[in-house]
Amino acid sequence: MRPPRLQPGDHVALVSPAGPVADDLLDTAHRTLKSWGLEVHEGPHARGVHPTVPYLAAPDTDRASDFTQAWLDPDIRAVFAARGGYGSMRILDLVDWTALREAGPKILTGSSDITALHEAVGVHLGLTTLFAPMVGSVLLTPGAADHLHRSLFDPATALDLARPGAEPLVPGQAEGVLVGGNASLLVSSLGAPEHRPATGAIALLEDITESTYRLDRILTQLLRSGWFDGVAGIVLGSWADCGPPEDIKALMLDRLGPLGVPVLWEAGIGHVPDSPTVPLGVPARLDADAGTLTALEPALSG
């Protein structure tokens, strides 16, 4: 199912399901969303810091409650994650997914650690979601903000998903539904109820601050688990602070090349400025030769 696109005047929620967010970045997120004509409701714990686990925005029950209450509020049309970090996985078992399903479709946006919530919303609620730059991040540059805005309000104009300069690691074309996200979060979901394999899909992978050998370990586990079995194509996003690009590129070719499917290198998606918003759960066409990734239908309805 595709949630309805946003309209000026819509009410949206701003929550912190993972790590704490600096006040100035949350204030910037408010200004951005309000400049788009949206009414912003901040989660009660969006500015919190866990009293004993400082890499979390608040205790698990509080973060889960903020996310749940935002989704159940009949006035809220979209839930924006202000930041990633770590912690989304910890709230998944505390969310009443049956109640959320009964509340009807809503938009989820965010990236990085929010991959865990994208997986859960896709599996438990059957919804398309937006793997998008955080509205409370310094990476929401003008280009990133423009593509996210169009994805939310006029999604038919935001179907081109790879930045200029992407190139084939393995040539070819493929079509399939977009799945994936942050590689370290995807490997962490193996064996969990939210596990969503890439069979028949176009798989997106990106990450940050993972050394080459750790990326090797992540890819090898995804391969050995069967996550890539039957994948139609692969889109490699950004690998910020993961080591020399030539080493990362060689690793990707070594691990993913034998799959024999098209692989697009450096699509500019993830932890980099001007990252496009990628609709997960939407059919797309990958043309590695041309360096393009194109959604075949808008992420949102209406």
Protein backbone atom coordinates (compact mmCIF):
# COMPACT_ATOMS: atom_id res chain seq x y z
CA MET A 1 0.00 0.00 0.00
CA ARG A 2 1.08 3.55 -0.71
CA PRO A 3 0.24 6.20 1.90
CA PRO A 4 -1.32 9.44 0.63
CA ARG A 5 1.08 12.23 -0.31
CA LEU A 6 1.27 15.31 1.89
CA GLN A 7 -0.57 18.58 1.38
CA PRO A 8 0.21 21.98 2.94
CA GLY A 9 -1.55 22.20 6.29
CA ASP A 10 -1.10 18.51 7.10
CA HIS A 11 -0.04 17.51 10.60
CA VAL A 12 3.18 15.50 10.98
CA ALA A 13 5.13 14.07 13.92
CA LEU A 14 8.83 14.51 14.69
CA VAL A 15 10.24 11.70 16.85
CA SER A 16 13.62 10.33 17.98
CA PRO A 17 13.34 6.51 17.88
CA ALA A 18 17.10 5.96 18.16
CA GLY A 19 19.84 8.34 19.30
CA PRO A 20 19.58 11.74 21.00
CA VAL A 21 19.26 14.84 18.86
CA ALA A 22 20.84 18.21 19.55
CA ASP A 23 18.34 20.97 20.23
CA ASP A 24 19.61 23.12 17.38
CA LEU A 25 19.12 20.30 14.87
CA LEU A 26 15.59 19.66 16.12
CA ASP A 27 14.88 23.36 15.85
CA THR A 28 16.16 23.28 12.26
CA ALA A 29 13.89 20.30 11.55
CA HIS A 30 10.92 22.28 12.84
CA ARG A 31 11.78 25.25 10.64
CA THR A 32 12.21 23.04 7.57
CA LEU A 33 8.90 21.23 8.00
CA LYS A 34 7.04 24.43 8.83
CA SER A 35 8.50 26.10 5.73
CA TRP A 36 6.79 23.33 3.76
CA GLY A 37 3.45 24.35 5.23
CA LEU A 38 3.23 21.49 7.73
CA GLU A 39 1.98 21.53 11.31
CA VAL A 40 4.68 19.85 13.41
CA HIS A 41 4.03 17.82 16.56
CA GLU A 42 7.18 16.92 18.49
CA GLY A 43 7.29 13.64 20.40
CA PRO A 44 7.47 14.08 24.20
CA HIS A 45 10.91 12.45 24.32
CA ALA A 46 12.33 13.78 21.05
CA ARG A 47 14.82 15.97 22.96
CA GLY A 48 15.61 13.38 25.59
CA VAL A 49 18.76 11.51 26.58
CA HIS A 50 18.58 8.14 28.33
CA PRO A 51 19.68 8.64 31.96
CA THR A 52 22.11 5.69 31.96
CA VAL A 53 22.54 4.79 28.26
CA PRO A 54 23.48 8.13 26.69
CA TYR A 55 23.54 6.89 23.09
CA LEU A 56 19.75 6.51 23.27
CA ALA A 57 17.29 9.40 23.16
CA ALA A 58 15.20 7.94 25.99
CA PRO A 59 14.33 4.55 27.53
CA ASP A 60 12.99 2.03 25.02
CA THR A 61 9.43 2.24 26.34
CA ASP A 62 9.38 6.01 25.91
CA ARG A 63 10.79 5.97 22.39
CA ALA A 64 8.37 3.21 21.42
CA SER A 65 5.51 5.17 22.94
CA ASP A 66 6.40 8.33 20.99
CA PHE A 67 6.47 6.39 17.72
CA THR A 68 3.27 4.48 18.50
CA GLN A 69 1.26 7.48 19.65
CA ALA A 70 2.33 9.48 16.61
CA TRP A 71 1.17 6.69 14.31
CA LEU A 72 -2.13 6.20 16.15
CA ASP A 73 -2.98 9.92 16.18
CA PRO A 74 -5.66 10.27 13.48
CA ASP A 75 -4.49 13.79 12.65
CA ILE A 76 -0.89 12.78 11.91
CA ARG A 77 -0.16 12.05 8.22
CA ALA A 78 3.59 11.37 8.42
CA VAL A 79 6.17 10.35 11.02
CA PHE A 80 9.62 11.91 10.60
CA ALA A 81 12.59 10.39 12.38
CA ALA A 82 14.79 13.29 13.47
CA ARG A 83 17.97 11.25 13.69
CA GLY A 84 19.43 7.73 13.46
CA GLY A 85 22.39 6.71 15.57
CA TYR A 86 21.36 3.48 17.25
CA GLY A 87 18.28 2.17 19.00
CA SER A 88 15.41 1.61 16.57
CA MET A 89 15.80 -2.17 16.80
CA ARG A 90 15.28 -2.01 20.54
CA ILE A 91 11.73 -0.67 20.25
CA LEU A 92 10.37 -3.06 17.63
CA ASP A 93 9.04 -5.59 20.14
CA LEU A 94 7.38 -2.81 22.15
CA VAL A 95 5.21 -1.56 19.27
CA ASP A 96 1.65 -2.86 18.85
CA TRP A 97 1.83 -3.48 15.12
CA THR A 98 -1.77 -4.68 14.98
CA ALA A 99 -2.98 -1.36 16.34
CA LEU A 100 -0.76 0.53 13.89
CA ARG A 101 -2.13 -1.50 10.99
CA GLU A 102 -5.68 -0.67 12.05
CA ALA A 103 -4.79 3.04 12.19
CA GLY A 104 -4.31 3.09 8.42
CA PRO A 105 -1.40 4.06 6.15
CA LYS A 106 1.01 6.86 7.06
CA ILE A 107 4.35 8.03 5.76
CA LEU A 108 7.61 7.05 7.47
CA THR A 109 10.78 8.95 6.60
CA GLY A 110 14.35 8.53 7.82
CA SER A 111 17.51 6.58 7.05
CA SER A 112 20.55 4.96 8.64
CA ASP A 113 19.38 3.25 11.88
CA ILE A 114 15.78 3.90 10.81
CA THR A 115 16.32 0.99 8.39
CA ALA A 116 15.00 -1.18 11.24
CA LEU A 117 11.72 0.73 11.22
CA HIS A 118 11.51 0.64 7.42
CA GLU A 119 11.83 -3.13 7.59
CA ALA A 120 9.19 -3.38 10.31
CA VAL A 121 6.68 -1.06 8.64
CA GLY A 122 7.17 -2.88 5.34
CA VAL A 123 6.71 -6.34 6.85
CA HIS A 124 4.06 -5.68 9.52
CA LEU A 125 2.04 -2.93 7.81
CA GLY A 126 2.72 -3.62 4.12
CA LEU A 127 3.48 0.03 3.37
CA THR A 128 5.93 1.82 1.13
CA THR A 129 8.32 4.04 3.11
CA LEU A 130 10.82 6.79 2.33
CA PHE A 131 14.51 6.09 2.97
CA ALA A 132 15.30 9.77 3.24
CA PRO A 133 17.84 12.18 4.71
CA MET A 134 16.98 13.09 8.29
CA VAL A 135 15.21 16.40 8.74
CA GLY A 136 17.30 16.92 11.89
CA SER A 137 20.66 16.39 10.17
CA VAL A 138 23.39 18.59 8.71
CA LEU A 139 23.14 16.34 5.63
CA LEU A 140 19.73 17.80 4.75
CA THR A 141 21.40 20.05 2.18
CA PRO A 142 19.33 22.07 -0.32
CA GLY A 143 19.48 19.28 -2.91
CA ALA A 144 18.45 16.63 -0.39
CA ALA A 145 15.66 18.83 0.96
CA ASP A 146 14.32 19.52 -2.54
CA HIS A 147 14.14 15.82 -3.45
CA LEU A 148 12.54 14.92 -0.11
CA HIS A 149 10.01 17.73 -0.50
CA ARG A 150 9.06 16.55 -3.99
CA SER A 151 8.89 12.93 -2.78
CA LEU A 152 6.38 13.98 -0.12
CA PHE A 153 4.25 16.53 -1.98
CA ASP A 154 4.67 15.77 -5.70
CA PRO A 155 6.16 12.27 -5.85
CA ALA A 156 5.70 11.86 -9.61
CA THR A 157 8.50 14.43 -10.02
CA ALA A 158 10.94 12.51 -7.79
CA LEU A 159 11.34 9.24 -9.69
CA ASP A 160 15.05 9.65 -10.54
CA LEU A 161 16.88 8.17 -7.57
CA ALA A 162 20.61 8.02 -8.37
CA ARG A 163 22.87 11.06 -8.38
CA PRO A 164 24.88 11.95 -11.50
CA GLY A 165 28.23 10.18 -11.55
CA ALA A 166 26.98 6.72 -10.63
CA GLU A 167 28.67 4.06 -12.73
CA PRO A 168 28.38 0.33 -13.40
CA LEU A 169 30.31 -2.02 -11.16
CA VAL A 170 28.62 -4.88 -13.00
CA PRO A 171 26.82 -3.83 -16.22
CA GLY A 172 23.24 -4.62 -17.09
CA GLN A 173 19.61 -3.69 -16.46
CA ALA A 174 17.07 -5.06 -14.01
CA GLU A 175 13.64 -4.36 -12.55
CA GLY A 176 12.29 -5.15 -9.11
CA VAL A 177 10.85 -3.73 -5.92
CA LEU A 178 13.28 -1.59 -3.93
CA VAL A 179 14.37 -3.04 -0.57
CA GLY A 180 17.34 -2.57 1.73
CA GLY A 181 18.97 0.40 3.40
CA ASN A 182 21.83 0.54 5.87
CA ALA A 183 23.94 -2.63 5.48
CA SER A 184 24.82 -3.08 9.16
CA LEU A 185 21.14 -2.81 10.13
CA LEU A 186 20.10 -5.26 7.43
CA VAL A 187 22.52 -7.91 8.63
CA SER A 188 21.32 -7.31 12.20
CA SER A 189 17.74 -8.16 11.19
CA LEU A 190 18.60 -11.67 9.99
CA GLY A 191 16.44 -14.14 11.89
CA ALA A 192 14.15 -11.42 13.28
CA PRO A 193 10.42 -11.13 12.43
CA GLU A 194 11.16 -8.02 10.35
CA HIS A 195 13.64 -9.80 8.09
CA ARG A 196 12.86 -8.92 4.47
CA PRO A 197 15.08 -10.70 1.88
CA ALA A 198 16.01 -9.25 -1.50
CA THR A 199 14.51 -12.04 -3.61
CA GLY A 200 13.41 -10.60 -6.96
CA ALA A 201 14.22 -7.10 -5.72
CA ILE A 202 16.56 -4.21 -6.38
CA ALA A 203 18.65 -4.12 -3.20
CA LEU A 204 19.99 -0.82 -1.83
CA LEU A 205 23.06 -0.93 0.42
CA GLU A 206 24.92 1.93 2.13
CA ASP A 207 26.81 2.49 5.37
CA ILE A 208 29.09 4.79 7.36
CA THR A 209 32.22 4.33 9.50
CA GLU A 210 32.49 0.60 8.78
CA SER A 211 36.03 -0.47 7.88
CA THR A 212 36.61 -2.60 4.81
CA TYR A 213 36.94 -5.88 6.69
CA ARG A 214 33.74 -5.17 8.62
CA LEU A 215 31.89 -4.49 5.37
CA ASP A 216 33.33 -7.76 4.09
CA ARG A 217 31.89 -9.52 7.15
CA ILE A 218 28.48 -7.87 6.65
CA LEU A 219 28.30 -8.82 2.97
CA THR A 220 29.54 -12.34 3.62
CA GLN A 221 26.88 -12.92 6.28
CA LEU A 222 24.15 -11.54 4.01
CA LEU A 223 25.39 -13.86 1.25
CA ARG A 224 25.64 -16.92 3.47
CA SER A 225 22.21 -16.31 5.01
CA GLY A 226 20.57 -16.28 1.57
CA TRP A 227 19.52 -12.64 1.78
CA PHE A 228 20.76 -12.04 -1.78
CA ASP A 229 19.25 -15.25 -3.22
CA GLY A 230 17.31 -14.34 -6.36
CA VAL A 231 18.17 -10.63 -6.17
CA ALA A 232 17.51 -8.81 -9.46
CA GLY A 233 20.05 -6.01 -9.07
CA ILE A 234 22.04 -4.06 -6.49
CA VAL A 235 22.43 -0.33 -5.90
CA LEU A 236 25.45 0.73 -3.84
CA GLY A 237 24.99 4.07 -2.13
CA SER A 238 27.56 6.00 -0.16
CA TRP A 239 30.29 4.58 2.09
CA ALA A 240 31.24 7.65 4.11
CA ASP A 241 34.31 7.17 6.31
CA CYS A 242 34.52 3.48 5.43
CA GLY A 243 38.04 3.60 4.03
CA PRO A 244 39.64 4.29 0.64
CA PRO A 245 36.95 4.20 -2.09
CA GLU A 246 39.11 1.97 -4.30
CA ASP A 247 39.28 -0.62 -1.50
CA ILE A 248 35.51 -0.52 -0.95
CA LYS A 249 34.89 -0.78 -4.69
CA ALA A 250 37.21 -3.80 -4.97
CA LEU A 251 35.47 -5.48 -2.04
CA MET A 252 32.02 -4.94 -3.56
CA LEU A 253 33.14 -6.43 -6.86
CA ASP A 254 34.73 -9.40 -5.08
CA ARG A 255 31.69 -10.19 -2.93
CA LEU A 256 28.79 -9.13 -5.18
CA GLY A 257 30.17 -9.59 -8.69
CA PRO A 258 29.75 -13.40 -8.61
CA LEU A 259 25.99 -12.95 -8.16
CA GLY A 260 25.86 -12.11 -11.88
CA VAL A 261 23.35 -9.28 -11.56
CA PRO A 262 23.70 -5.57 -12.42
CA VAL A 263 25.43 -3.56 -9.70
CA LEU A 264 25.47 0.25 -9.63
CA TRP A 265 28.43 1.86 -7.86
CA GLU A 266 28.29 5.15 -5.89
CA ALA A 267 24.68 6.15 -6.40
CA GLY A 268 25.12 8.94 -3.85
CA ILE A 269 22.47 7.59 -1.46
CA GLY A 270 22.99 7.64 2.28
CA HIS A 271 25.34 9.58 4.56
CA VAL A 272 26.38 12.22 2.04
CA PRO A 273 25.13 15.69 1.11
CA ASP A 274 22.34 15.91 -1.49
CA SER A 275 21.30 12.28 -1.05
CA PRO A 276 18.05 11.54 -2.88
CA THR A 277 15.02 10.06 -1.13
CA VAL A 278 14.52 6.40 -2.07
CA PRO A 279 11.02 4.87 -1.85
CA LEU A 280 11.27 1.37 -0.40
CA GLY A 281 8.61 -1.10 -1.54
CA VAL A 282 8.18 0.59 -4.94
CA PRO A 283 8.97 -1.08 -8.31
CA ALA A 284 12.06 0.40 -9.93
CA ARG A 285 14.30 0.00 -12.97
CA LEU A 286 18.08 -0.18 -12.57
CA ASP A 287 20.25 0.60 -15.59
CA ALA A 288 23.81 0.18 -14.38
CA ASP A 289 25.23 1.00 -17.82
CA ALA A 290 23.51 4.40 -17.84
CA GLY A 291 24.12 4.98 -14.13
CA THR A 292 20.42 5.37 -13.37
CA LEU A 293 17.86 4.11 -10.87
CA THR A 294 14.27 5.06 -11.64
CA ALA A 295 11.11 4.42 -9.65
CA LEU A 296 8.39 3.06 -11.92
CA GLU A 297 5.58 4.60 -9.90
CA PRO A 298 5.32 7.29 -7.23
CA ALA A 299 5.97 6.28 -3.64
CA LEU A 300 2.80 7.97 -2.39
CA SER A 301 -0.74 8.02 -3.71
CA GLY A 302 -2.97 10.90 -4.64
